Protein backbone atom coordinates (compact mmCIF):
# COMPACT_ATOMS: atom_id res chain seq x y z
CA MET A 1 43.44 173.60 96.62
CA LYS A 2 40.90 172.07 94.22
CA LYS A 3 39.97 175.50 92.87
CA TYR A 4 43.64 176.36 92.36
CA LEU A 5 44.35 173.03 90.70
CA LEU A 6 41.44 173.48 88.29
CA LYS A 7 42.64 176.99 87.47
CA ARG A 8 46.16 175.70 86.80
CA ILE A 9 44.86 172.94 84.54
CA VAL A 10 42.83 175.44 82.49
CA THR A 11 45.84 177.76 82.28
CA ALA A 12 48.10 174.89 81.23
CA PHE A 13 45.63 173.91 78.51
CA GLY A 14 45.65 177.46 77.15
CA ILE A 15 49.45 177.61 77.23
CA VAL A 16 49.72 174.31 75.35
CA LEU A 17 47.36 175.64 72.66
CA PHE A 18 49.42 178.82 72.34
CA VAL A 19 52.62 176.79 72.09
CA ILE A 20 51.07 174.66 69.35
CA LEU A 21 50.20 177.80 67.36
CA LEU A 22 53.61 179.37 67.92
CA ASN A 23 55.51 176.22 66.97
CA TYR A 24 53.34 175.68 63.91
CA VAL A 25 54.02 179.17 62.57
CA ILE A 26 57.75 179.13 63.34
CA ILE A 27 58.27 175.67 61.85
CA ARG A 28 56.40 176.55 58.66
CA LEU A 29 58.27 179.84 58.26
CA ALA A 30 61.66 178.16 58.67
CA PRO A 31 63.69 177.76 55.45
CA GLY A 32 63.52 174.42 53.70
CA ASP A 33 60.92 172.49 51.75
CA PRO A 34 59.92 168.98 52.85
CA VAL A 35 58.55 168.21 49.40
CA ARG A 36 61.91 168.87 47.73
CA ILE A 37 63.64 166.71 50.33
CA MET A 38 61.19 163.85 49.80
CA ALA A 39 61.41 164.14 46.02
CA GLY A 40 65.21 164.22 46.05
CA PHE A 41 67.64 166.92 45.02
CA ASP A 42 68.87 165.24 41.80
CA ASN A 43 66.52 166.57 39.12
CA PRO A 44 63.24 165.94 40.98
CA SER A 45 60.15 165.48 38.84
CA GLN A 46 57.77 168.43 38.97
CA GLU A 47 54.82 166.05 38.72
CA LEU A 48 56.09 164.13 41.77
CA MET A 49 56.58 167.34 43.72
CA ASP A 50 53.08 168.54 42.85
CA ALA A 51 51.61 165.18 43.88
CA LEU A 52 53.44 165.20 47.23
CA THR A 53 52.42 168.80 47.86
CA LYS A 54 48.76 167.94 47.27
CA LYS A 55 48.96 164.68 49.24
CA TYR A 56 50.12 166.40 52.43
CA GLY A 57 47.95 169.48 51.93
CA LEU A 58 50.91 171.84 51.62
CA ASP A 59 49.22 173.63 48.72
CA GLN A 60 46.62 175.11 51.07
CA PRO A 61 47.00 178.47 52.88
CA LEU A 62 48.76 178.33 56.23
CA TYR A 63 45.63 179.05 58.28
CA VAL A 64 43.75 176.26 56.49
CA GLN A 65 46.59 173.81 57.20
CA PHE A 66 46.65 174.85 60.86
CA TRP A 67 42.89 174.48 61.29
CA ARG A 68 43.00 171.02 59.72
CA TYR A 69 45.88 170.07 62.02
CA ILE A 70 44.03 171.28 65.14
CA THR A 71 40.79 169.48 64.25
CA THR A 72 42.59 166.20 63.60
CA LEU A 73 44.68 166.67 66.75
CA PHE A 74 41.58 166.92 68.95
CA LYS A 75 40.49 163.62 67.45
CA GLY A 76 43.71 162.04 68.73
CA ASP A 77 45.47 162.07 65.35
CA MET A 78 48.86 163.81 65.07
CA GLY A 79 49.03 163.19 61.35
CA ASP A 80 51.49 161.15 59.32
CA SER A 81 55.23 161.59 59.11
CA TYR A 82 56.54 162.78 55.75
CA LEU A 83 59.81 160.96 56.26
CA TYR A 84 58.62 157.60 57.63
CA ASN A 85 55.11 157.58 56.06
CA GLN A 86 53.74 156.34 59.41
CA PRO A 87 51.46 157.86 62.06
CA VAL A 88 53.37 160.37 64.19
CA SER A 89 51.89 159.02 67.41
CA SER A 90 53.18 155.49 66.79
CA LEU A 91 56.66 156.77 65.87
CA ILE A 92 56.91 158.84 69.05
CA PHE A 93 55.56 156.23 71.44
CA GLU A 94 57.85 153.59 69.98
CA ARG A 95 60.83 155.67 71.13
CA VAL A 96 59.55 157.55 74.16
CA GLY A 97 60.25 154.59 76.43
CA ALA A 98 63.95 154.59 75.54
CA SER A 99 64.21 158.35 76.20
CA LEU A 100 62.37 158.08 79.51
CA LEU A 101 64.59 155.22 80.60
CA LEU A 102 67.86 156.99 79.82
CA SER A 103 66.97 160.55 80.82
CA GLY A 104 64.79 159.54 83.77
CA VAL A 105 67.41 157.35 85.40
CA SER A 106 70.07 159.99 84.74
CA ALA A 107 67.95 162.76 86.26
CA VAL A 108 67.24 160.77 89.42
CA LEU A 109 70.89 159.79 89.89
CA ALA A 110 72.04 163.36 89.22
CA VAL A 111 69.68 164.91 91.77
CA LEU A 112 70.56 162.31 94.41
CA ILE A 113 74.33 162.61 93.96
CA GLY A 114 74.44 166.37 93.34
CA SER A 115 72.08 167.22 96.21
CA THR A 116 73.89 164.94 98.66
CA LEU A 117 77.24 166.50 97.83
CA GLY A 118 75.70 169.98 97.96
CA LEU A 119 74.17 169.32 101.38
CA TYR A 120 77.54 168.26 102.75
CA ALA A 121 79.40 171.16 101.11
CA GLY A 122 76.88 173.71 102.36
CA ARG A 123 77.00 172.35 105.89
CA HIS A 124 80.81 172.19 105.93
CA HIS A 125 81.58 175.26 103.85
CA GLY A 126 85.29 175.96 103.44
CA LYS A 127 86.45 172.47 104.40
CA ALA A 128 88.76 170.38 102.19
CA LEU A 129 85.97 168.20 100.78
CA ASP A 130 83.87 171.27 100.00
CA ARG A 131 86.72 172.77 97.96
CA THR A 132 87.27 169.43 96.23
CA PHE A 133 83.60 168.98 95.34
CA SER A 134 83.37 172.58 94.13
CA GLY A 135 86.43 172.18 91.89
CA VAL A 136 85.13 168.97 90.34
CA ALA A 137 81.69 170.55 89.83
CA TYR A 138 83.17 173.56 88.01
CA MET A 139 85.25 171.25 85.83
CA LEU A 140 82.26 169.08 84.88
CA ASN A 141 80.15 172.16 84.23
CA ALA A 142 82.71 173.40 81.70
CA MET A 143 82.59 170.15 79.68
CA PRO A 144 80.20 169.94 76.71
CA SER A 145 78.05 166.83 77.07
CA PHE A 146 78.79 165.53 73.56
CA TRP A 147 82.57 165.94 74.09
CA LEU A 148 82.44 164.10 77.41
CA GLY A 149 80.41 161.32 75.79
CA ILE A 150 82.96 160.93 72.99
CA MET A 151 85.81 160.81 75.52
CA LEU A 152 84.05 158.09 77.51
CA ILE A 153 83.55 156.08 74.31
CA LEU A 154 87.23 156.40 73.40
CA ILE A 155 88.37 155.33 76.87
CA PHE A 156 85.91 152.70 78.06
CA ALA A 157 84.58 151.32 74.75
CA SER A 158 87.21 151.71 72.04
CA THR A 159 90.37 151.38 74.18
CA LEU A 160 89.49 149.27 77.21
CA LYS A 161 86.68 147.33 75.47
CA TRP A 162 84.69 147.25 78.71
CA LEU A 163 81.39 148.63 77.40
CA PRO A 164 79.50 148.86 74.08
CA THR A 165 79.94 151.98 72.01
CA GLN A 166 76.41 152.63 70.80
CA GLY A 167 72.81 151.52 70.63
CA MET A 168 70.46 150.24 73.30
CA VAL A 169 70.84 146.48 72.78
CA ASN A 170 73.09 144.06 70.95
CA ILE A 171 70.91 143.24 67.94
CA ARG A 172 73.10 140.32 66.83
CA LYS A 173 72.78 138.48 70.13
CA GLY A 174 69.00 138.75 70.40
CA TYR A 175 68.91 138.46 74.19
CA THR A 176 65.68 137.76 76.08
CA GLY A 177 64.67 137.79 79.74
CA TRP A 178 67.30 138.85 82.28
CA ALA A 179 70.02 138.69 79.66
CA TYR A 180 68.16 141.40 77.74
CA VAL A 181 67.90 143.55 80.89
CA VAL A 182 71.64 143.19 81.55
CA ASP A 183 72.39 144.04 77.92
CA VAL A 184 70.31 147.25 78.14
CA LEU A 185 72.00 148.21 81.41
CA GLN A 186 75.44 147.73 79.85
CA HIS A 187 74.50 149.97 76.93
CA MET A 188 73.12 152.56 79.37
CA VAL A 189 76.30 152.95 81.43
CA LEU A 190 78.18 155.42 79.21
CA PRO A 191 75.29 157.67 78.08
CA CYS A 192 73.83 157.66 81.58
CA ALA A 193 77.19 158.49 83.14
CA THR A 194 77.59 161.38 80.70
CA LEU A 195 74.19 162.85 81.51
CA VAL A 196 74.70 162.44 85.25
CA ALA A 197 78.12 164.07 85.12
CA VAL A 198 76.89 167.18 83.30
CA GLN A 199 73.81 167.58 85.53
CA ILE A 200 75.50 167.10 88.92
CA PRO A 201 77.09 170.62 89.00
CA THR A 202 73.67 172.29 88.74
CA TYR A 203 72.20 170.42 91.68
CA PHE A 204 75.42 170.76 93.66
CA ARG A 205 75.63 174.54 93.34
CA ILE A 206 71.93 175.14 93.98
CA THR A 207 71.85 172.85 97.01
CA LYS A 208 75.01 174.29 98.51
CA SER A 209 73.92 177.90 98.12
CA SER A 210 70.43 177.08 99.40
CA VAL A 211 71.78 175.35 102.52
CA MET A 212 74.15 178.23 103.25
CA GLN A 213 71.35 180.76 102.80
CA VAL A 214 68.95 178.91 105.13
CA MET A 215 71.64 178.34 107.76
CA ALA A 216 72.24 182.10 107.83
CA GLU A 217 68.59 182.84 108.62
CA GLU A 218 67.67 184.34 111.98
CA PHE A 219 65.45 181.44 113.05
CA VAL A 220 68.45 179.08 112.81
CA THR A 221 70.44 181.40 115.06
CA THR A 222 67.53 181.43 117.51
CA PHE A 223 67.49 177.63 117.66
CA ARG A 224 71.22 177.60 118.33
CA VAL A 225 70.84 180.08 121.16
CA THR A 226 68.20 177.86 122.78
CA GLY A 227 70.72 175.01 122.83
CA MET A 228 69.18 172.84 120.09
CA SER A 229 71.69 170.45 118.53
CA GLU A 230 73.10 171.22 115.09
CA ARG A 231 71.94 167.86 113.75
CA LYS A 232 68.34 168.47 114.81
CA ILE A 233 68.37 172.00 113.40
CA PHE A 234 69.73 170.77 110.09
CA ASN A 235 67.53 167.69 109.70
CA LYS A 236 64.26 169.24 110.90
CA TYR A 237 64.43 172.83 109.67
CA VAL A 238 67.30 173.53 107.28
CA LEU A 239 66.92 170.47 105.07
CA LYS A 240 63.26 170.92 104.18
CA ASN A 241 63.69 174.63 103.36
CA ALA A 242 66.82 173.96 101.32
CA LEU A 243 65.00 171.37 99.20
CA LEU A 244 62.58 173.86 97.61
CA PRO A 245 64.95 175.19 94.88
CA ILE A 246 66.05 171.60 94.13
CA VAL A 247 62.43 170.59 93.56
CA THR A 248 62.03 173.41 91.02
CA VAL A 249 65.12 172.47 89.02
CA PHE A 250 64.36 168.76 89.19
CA GLY A 251 60.79 169.38 88.01
CA ILE A 252 62.01 171.41 85.04
CA ASN A 253 64.55 168.72 84.13
CA LEU A 254 61.87 166.03 84.31
CA ALA A 255 59.65 168.13 82.06
CA TYR A 256 62.32 167.93 79.35
CA VAL A 257 63.23 164.32 80.06
CA ILE A 258 61.65 163.27 76.75
CA SER A 259 63.97 165.32 74.55
CA GLY A 260 66.55 166.81 76.89
CA SER A 261 69.26 164.32 75.95
CA THR A 262 69.21 164.81 72.18
CA LEU A 263 72.98 165.31 71.81
CA ILE A 264 73.76 162.27 73.96
CA GLU A 265 71.28 160.13 72.03
CA ILE A 266 72.98 161.17 68.80
CA VAL A 267 76.50 160.49 70.14
CA PHE A 268 75.57 157.05 71.48
CA SER A 269 73.00 156.21 68.76
CA TRP A 270 70.39 155.75 71.48
CA PRO A 271 66.98 155.07 69.84
CA GLY A 272 65.06 157.80 71.64
CA VAL A 273 62.84 160.76 70.83
CA GLY A 274 65.84 163.10 70.71
CA VAL A 275 67.23 161.41 67.60
CA LEU A 276 63.74 161.42 66.10
CA MET A 277 63.44 165.17 66.72
CA TYR A 278 66.86 165.82 65.18
CA ARG A 279 65.98 163.90 62.02
CA SER A 280 62.60 165.62 61.75
CA ILE A 281 64.31 169.02 61.93
CA SER A 282 66.93 168.14 59.31
CA MET A 283 64.32 166.61 56.98
CA ARG A 284 61.64 169.30 57.60
CA ASP A 285 59.14 166.67 58.76
CA TYR A 286 56.55 169.16 60.01
CA ASN A 287 54.03 166.74 61.51
CA LEU A 288 56.63 164.68 63.35
CA LEU A 289 58.33 167.78 64.72
CA MET A 290 54.99 169.21 65.87
CA GLY A 291 54.20 165.92 67.60
CA VAL A 292 57.47 165.97 69.55
CA TYR A 293 57.02 169.62 70.54
CA LEU A 294 53.44 168.92 71.61
CA LEU A 295 54.63 166.15 73.90
CA ILE A 296 57.30 168.45 75.37
CA SER A 297 54.82 171.28 76.03
CA ILE A 298 52.38 168.91 77.76
CA SER A 299 55.22 167.52 79.89
CA VAL A 300 56.32 171.02 80.93
CA ALA A 301 52.77 172.11 81.82
CA PHE A 302 52.14 168.93 83.81
CA MET A 303 55.42 169.09 85.74
CA MET A 304 54.88 172.73 86.69
CA ILE A 305 51.60 171.76 88.34
CA VAL A 306 53.30 168.86 90.13
CA VAL A 307 56.07 171.17 91.37
CA ASP A 308 53.50 173.59 92.82
CA LEU A 309 51.81 170.74 94.70
CA ILE A 310 55.14 169.48 96.07
CA TYR A 311 55.98 173.03 97.18
CA ALA A 312 52.79 173.19 99.24
CA TRP A 313 53.61 169.82 100.81
CA LEU A 314 57.18 170.77 101.71
CA ASP A 315 56.48 174.28 102.96
CA PRO A 316 53.40 174.78 105.19
CA ARG A 317 53.60 178.52 104.56
CA ILE A 318 52.60 177.98 100.94
CA ARG A 319 48.86 177.60 100.44
CA TYR A 320 46.82 177.88 97.25
CA ASP A 321 43.36 178.26 98.79
């Protein structure tokens, strides 16, 4: 296991480096000029544009810029944001907590609710509740997340006045202590509900199909012939095998938890990394965009290793020695 883990870490490191190179080239080849955006579109001064170009090293060849970026990155410096004129690392880590809170809670709730419903539907395939759950899942799966978020705002915030429409806290109130926690939870309800609603169908369908597939296996039939109870068969043998695909999907979703809710963050003005990434794309903030993508690639590589380890724990047949 240790040898496999070391090999996976080395492979993940190489993949992250390749992703950095690929993102750097694609971002720099994309249309748009950050200098022109910073200088303004209304008759920008050529002297100002030349000064900004030299300040951020954009006058150098692409390979020279990339080498300088890599060397500074290995020193723990992601560079400075063109748009905010602040270190990229501080900008990202100021907002990563908000994204982790919203997306992390939503991912956990979605996997718990979706998997529970899928387990029931797979075990009682064809029953009334199974058909009901399946219909609701298909309906939710057809809804764009941003549209569902807007509808929830119109109903529960604008019309009923039950919940706030945007943001993470009420800035005017300036709550502290438990009042602050309650305020954050109130602001989380609508964006979290939106994310949970659009993620539940995925877990529901995968869990249901996985349960039905495992229950059709020959070893389950053998246990039934021996007189073993259905509850014991399901809890001891079917459940653990059916969880493997769920672990994969949940691991992938957690890998993108930092930026996977960009549209929802924009709709609800949630101060997370997703909004930061959107602004960096629109403003051609190369360093900030590279910093966000670097964080995403590291998250994906890390979660893939974690998923492999959980696989080995859940299924004794899987060994990496």
